[in-house]
């Protein structure tokens, strides 16, 4: 496993709150690049399972482009009410999603595999957002 770094461009509101994010990736014999092994919290260019090319710069592997897209979609959930974290995470995992949480930003990164209904996940998150405890964004939709 190696780290692949993404350069991030904060918007006028300062989001994302970082200028760089790294994700784990692996090299598989015969693969045309590095396969992303965890769900990014801020990068919008690639997600879990994507094969990416990199450029070397001062000993760092920087994301260059997606070479092969996975069937995974990427959604992120922000928590205004911390009590919502466990039930929302549990519901998404039960649907078949892969999740990672960063307490520092109260942000859940959600990978939705191609065989999981994106519509079901979206309907669930819309309902939860309507109750006011969360909000979410959909940077990569592939279904």
C-alpha atoms as a PDB file:
ATOM      1  CA  UNK A   1       0.000   0.000   0.000  1.00  0.00           C
ATOM      2  CA  UNK A   2       1.153   3.492  -0.869  1.00  0.00           C
ATOM      3  CA  UNK A   3      -0.237   6.974  -0.374  1.00  0.00           C
ATOM      4  CA  UNK A   4      -1.622   8.928  -3.328  1.00  0.00           C
ATOM      5  CA  UNK A   5      -2.091  12.649  -2.729  1.00  0.00           C
ATOM      6  CA  UNK A   6      -4.814  14.913  -4.125  1.00  0.00           C
ATOM      7  CA  UNK A   7      -4.432  18.674  -4.399  1.00  0.00           C
ATOM      8  CA  UNK A   8      -7.620  20.368  -3.212  1.00  0.00           C
ATOM      9  CA  UNK A   9      -8.909  23.802  -4.172  1.00  0.00           C
ATOM     10  CA  UNK A  10     -10.868  25.438  -1.347  1.00  0.00           C
ATOM     11  CA  UNK A  11     -13.850  27.482  -2.550  1.00  0.00           C
ATOM     12  CA  UNK A  12     -14.756  31.029  -1.458  1.00  0.00           C
ATOM     13  CA  UNK A  13     -16.203  29.589   1.773  1.00  0.00           C
ATOM     14  CA  UNK A  14     -12.970  27.732   2.558  1.00  0.00           C
ATOM     15  CA  UNK A  15     -14.300  24.268   1.738  1.00  0.00           C
ATOM     16  CA  UNK A  16     -12.692  21.844   1.802  1.00  0.00           C
ATOM     17  CA  UNK A  17     -10.794  22.865   4.932  1.00  0.00           C
ATOM     18  CA  UNK A  18      -7.532  21.367   3.607  1.00  0.00           C
ATOM     19  CA  UNK A  19      -5.369  21.874   0.540  1.00  0.00           C
ATOM     20  CA  UNK A  20      -4.169  18.245   0.314  1.00  0.00           C
ATOM     21  CA  UNK A  21      -5.704  14.854   1.008  1.00  0.00           C
ATOM     22  CA  UNK A  22      -4.055  11.456   0.827  1.00  0.00           C
ATOM     23  CA  UNK A  23      -5.665   8.057   0.298  1.00  0.00           C
ATOM     24  CA  UNK A  24      -4.282   4.551   0.391  1.00  0.00           C
ATOM     25  CA  UNK A  25      -3.756   2.808  -2.913  1.00  0.00           C
ATOM     26  CA  UNK A  26      -2.293  -0.463  -4.113  1.00  0.00           C
ATOM     27  CA  UNK A  27      -0.524  -1.600  -7.203  1.00  0.00           C
ATOM     28  CA  UNK A  28      -1.890  -4.765  -8.746  1.00  0.00           C
ATOM     29  CA  UNK A  29       0.225  -6.629 -11.308  1.00  0.00           C
ATOM     30  CA  UNK A  30      -1.097  -5.810 -14.768  1.00  0.00           C
ATOM     31  CA  UNK A  31      -3.177  -2.856 -13.567  1.00  0.00           C
ATOM     32  CA  UNK A  32      -2.649   0.397 -15.493  1.00  0.00           C
ATOM     33  CA  UNK A  33      -2.188   2.425 -12.306  1.00  0.00           C
ATOM     34  CA  UNK A  34      -2.869   2.611  -8.584  1.00  0.00           C
ATOM     35  CA  UNK A  35      -6.176   1.298  -7.192  1.00  0.00           C
ATOM     36  CA  UNK A  36      -7.732   3.538  -4.534  1.00  0.00           C
ATOM     37  CA  UNK A  37      -8.290   1.560  -1.325  1.00  0.00           C
ATOM     38  CA  UNK A  38     -10.170   3.986   0.890  1.00  0.00           C
ATOM     39  CA  UNK A  39     -12.942   6.499   0.472  1.00  0.00           C
ATOM     40  CA  UNK A  40     -11.754  10.113   0.230  1.00  0.00           C
ATOM     41  CA  UNK A  41     -13.191  12.733   2.572  1.00  0.00           C
ATOM     42  CA  UNK A  42     -12.595  15.761   0.350  1.00  0.00           C
ATOM     43  CA  UNK A  43     -11.192  14.784  -3.063  1.00  0.00           C
ATOM     44  CA  UNK A  44     -13.806  14.855  -5.815  1.00  0.00           C
ATOM     45  CA  UNK A  45     -11.815  13.342  -8.680  1.00  0.00           C
ATOM     46  CA  UNK A  46     -11.700   9.650  -7.699  1.00  0.00           C
ATOM     47  CA  UNK A  47     -13.139   7.215  -5.198  1.00  0.00           C
ATOM     48  CA  UNK A  48     -12.759   3.748  -3.728  1.00  0.00           C
ATOM     49  CA  UNK A  49     -11.910   1.161  -6.385  1.00  0.00           C
ATOM     50  CA  UNK A  50     -10.892   3.624  -9.098  1.00  0.00           C
ATOM     51  CA  UNK A  51      -7.584   3.021 -10.874  1.00  0.00           C
ATOM     52  CA  UNK A  52      -5.610   6.251 -11.106  1.00  0.00           C
ATOM     53  CA  UNK A  53      -2.422   7.471 -12.709  1.00  0.00           C
ATOM     54  CA  UNK A  54       0.016   9.562 -10.711  1.00  0.00           C
ATOM     55  CA  UNK A  55       2.835  11.988 -11.276  1.00  0.00           C
ATOM     56  CA  UNK A  56       5.953  11.982  -9.125  1.00  0.00           C
ATOM     57  CA  UNK A  57       6.878  15.324  -7.658  1.00  0.00           C
ATOM     58  CA  UNK A  58       9.597  15.614  -5.009  1.00  0.00           C
ATOM     59  CA  UNK A  59       9.031  12.027  -3.868  1.00  0.00           C
ATOM     60  CA  UNK A  60       5.252  12.370  -3.622  1.00  0.00           C
ATOM     61  CA  UNK A  61       2.679  10.450  -5.677  1.00  0.00           C
ATOM     62  CA  UNK A  62       0.191  13.077  -6.859  1.00  0.00           C
ATOM     63  CA  UNK A  63      -3.112  12.098  -8.439  1.00  0.00           C
ATOM     64  CA  UNK A  64      -3.046  12.788 -12.175  1.00  0.00           C
ATOM     65  CA  UNK A  65      -6.206  11.197 -13.626  1.00  0.00           C
ATOM     66  CA  UNK A  66      -8.663   8.319 -13.385  1.00  0.00           C
ATOM     67  CA  UNK A  67      -7.570   5.528 -15.721  1.00  0.00           C
ATOM     68  CA  UNK A  68     -10.405   3.072 -14.960  1.00  0.00           C
ATOM     69  CA  UNK A  69     -13.559   4.028 -13.104  1.00  0.00           C
ATOM     70  CA  UNK A  70     -15.050   1.654 -10.565  1.00  0.00           C
ATOM     71  CA  UNK A  71     -18.818   1.335 -10.313  1.00  0.00           C
ATOM     72  CA  UNK A  72     -18.711   3.009  -6.880  1.00  0.00           C
ATOM     73  CA  UNK A  73     -20.466   6.300  -6.171  1.00  0.00           C
ATOM     74  CA  UNK A  74     -19.171   8.723  -3.532  1.00  0.00           C
ATOM     75  CA  UNK A  75     -21.346  10.571  -1.024  1.00  0.00           C
ATOM     76  CA  UNK A  76     -20.324  12.499   2.067  1.00  0.00           C
ATOM     77  CA  UNK A  77     -22.484  13.100   5.125  1.00  0.00           C
ATOM     78  CA  UNK A  78     -21.920  16.017   7.540  1.00  0.00           C
ATOM     79  CA  UNK A  79     -23.380  15.711  11.027  1.00  0.00           C
ATOM     80  CA  UNK A  80     -24.939  18.698  12.770  1.00  0.00           C
ATOM     81  CA  UNK A  81     -26.281  16.376  15.472  1.00  0.00           C
ATOM     82  CA  UNK A  82     -23.645  13.852  16.668  1.00  0.00           C
ATOM     83  CA  UNK A  83     -26.425  11.529  17.880  1.00  0.00           C
ATOM     84  CA  UNK A  84     -27.270  10.869  14.216  1.00  0.00           C
ATOM     85  CA  UNK A  85     -23.860   9.361  13.409  1.00  0.00           C
ATOM     86  CA  UNK A  86     -24.382   5.812  14.638  1.00  0.00           C
ATOM     87  CA  UNK A  87     -27.891   5.253  13.261  1.00  0.00           C
ATOM     88  CA  UNK A  88     -27.032   6.826   9.883  1.00  0.00           C
ATOM     89  CA  UNK A  89     -23.784   4.890   9.586  1.00  0.00           C
ATOM     90  CA  UNK A  90     -25.484   1.636  10.592  1.00  0.00           C
ATOM     91  CA  UNK A  91     -28.291   2.149   8.063  1.00  0.00           C
ATOM     92  CA  UNK A  92     -25.827   2.866   5.232  1.00  0.00           C
ATOM     93  CA  UNK A  93     -23.703  -0.178   6.095  1.00  0.00           C
ATOM     94  CA  UNK A  94     -26.845  -2.366   6.191  1.00  0.00           C
ATOM     95  CA  UNK A  95     -27.675  -1.116   2.686  1.00  0.00           C
ATOM     96  CA  UNK A  96     -24.242  -2.363   1.555  1.00  0.00           C
ATOM     97  CA  UNK A  97     -22.253   0.876   1.619  1.00  0.00           C
ATOM     98  CA  UNK A  98     -18.648   1.193   2.810  1.00  0.00           C
ATOM     99  CA  UNK A  99     -18.132   4.058   5.267  1.00  0.00           C
ATOM    100  CA  UNK A 100     -15.256   5.912   6.909  1.00  0.00           C
ATOM    101  CA  UNK A 101     -15.644   8.608   9.560  1.00  0.00           C
ATOM    102  CA  UNK A 102     -13.412  11.497  10.559  1.00  0.00           C
ATOM    103  CA  UNK A 103     -14.317  12.884  13.958  1.00  0.00           C
ATOM    104  CA  UNK A 104     -12.247  16.022  13.381  1.00  0.00           C
ATOM    105  CA  UNK A 105     -14.616  17.190  10.630  1.00  0.00           C
ATOM    106  CA  UNK A 106     -17.711  15.194  11.741  1.00  0.00           C
ATOM    107  CA  UNK A 107     -17.792  13.816   8.212  1.00  0.00           C
ATOM    108  CA  UNK A 108     -18.737  10.375   6.949  1.00  0.00           C
ATOM    109  CA  UNK A 109     -17.318   9.333   3.571  1.00  0.00           C
ATOM    110  CA  UNK A 110     -19.635   6.806   1.912  1.00  0.00           C
ATOM    111  CA  UNK A 111     -18.802   4.522  -0.992  1.00  0.00           C
ATOM    112  CA  UNK A 112     -21.895   3.127  -2.668  1.00  0.00           C
ATOM    113  CA  UNK A 113     -21.016  -0.017  -4.660  1.00  0.00           C
ATOM    114  CA  UNK A 114     -22.611  -0.388  -8.081  1.00  0.00           C
ATOM    115  CA  UNK A 115     -24.774  -3.268  -6.875  1.00  0.00           C
ATOM    116  CA  UNK A 116     -26.341  -1.105  -4.121  1.00  0.00           C
ATOM    117  CA  UNK A 117     -29.314   1.048  -5.104  1.00  0.00           C
ATOM    118  CA  UNK A 118     -28.132   4.647  -5.309  1.00  0.00           C
ATOM    119  CA  UNK A 119     -31.774   5.754  -5.325  1.00  0.00           C
ATOM    120  CA  UNK A 120     -32.428   3.958  -2.009  1.00  0.00           C
ATOM    121  CA  UNK A 121     -29.382   5.629  -0.429  1.00  0.00           C
ATOM    122  CA  UNK A 122     -30.398   9.045  -1.768  1.00  0.00           C
ATOM    123  CA  UNK A 123     -33.974   8.667  -0.501  1.00  0.00           C
ATOM    124  CA  UNK A 124     -32.707   7.627   2.930  1.00  0.00           C
ATOM    125  CA  UNK A 125     -30.278  10.559   3.143  1.00  0.00           C
ATOM    126  CA  UNK A 126     -32.920  13.031   1.935  1.00  0.00           C
ATOM    127  CA  UNK A 127     -35.198  11.861   4.726  1.00  0.00           C
ATOM    128  CA  UNK A 128     -32.473  12.215   7.337  1.00  0.00           C
ATOM    129  CA  UNK A 129     -31.450  15.644   6.026  1.00  0.00           C
ATOM    130  CA  UNK A 130     -35.090  16.726   6.224  1.00  0.00           C
ATOM    131  CA  UNK A 131     -34.988  16.047   9.971  1.00  0.00           C
ATOM    132  CA  UNK A 132     -32.097  18.526  10.304  1.00  0.00           C
ATOM    133  CA  UNK A 133     -29.380  16.372  11.898  1.00  0.00           C
ATOM    134  CA  UNK A 134     -27.298  15.878   8.751  1.00  0.00           C
ATOM    135  CA  UNK A 135     -26.521  17.275   5.346  1.00  0.00           C
ATOM    136  CA  UNK A 136     -24.836  15.503   2.458  1.00  0.00           C
ATOM    137  CA  UNK A 137     -23.124  16.013  -0.870  1.00  0.00           C
ATOM    138  CA  UNK A 138     -22.807  13.749  -3.905  1.00  0.00           C
ATOM    139  CA  UNK A 139     -19.416  14.376  -5.575  1.00  0.00           C
ATOM    140  CA  UNK A 140     -19.353  11.193  -7.704  1.00  0.00           C
ATOM    141  CA  UNK A 141     -22.514   9.455  -8.910  1.00  0.00           C
ATOM    142  CA  UNK A 142     -22.109   6.469 -11.203  1.00  0.00           C
ATOM    143  CA  UNK A 143     -25.455   4.735 -11.374  1.00  0.00           C
END
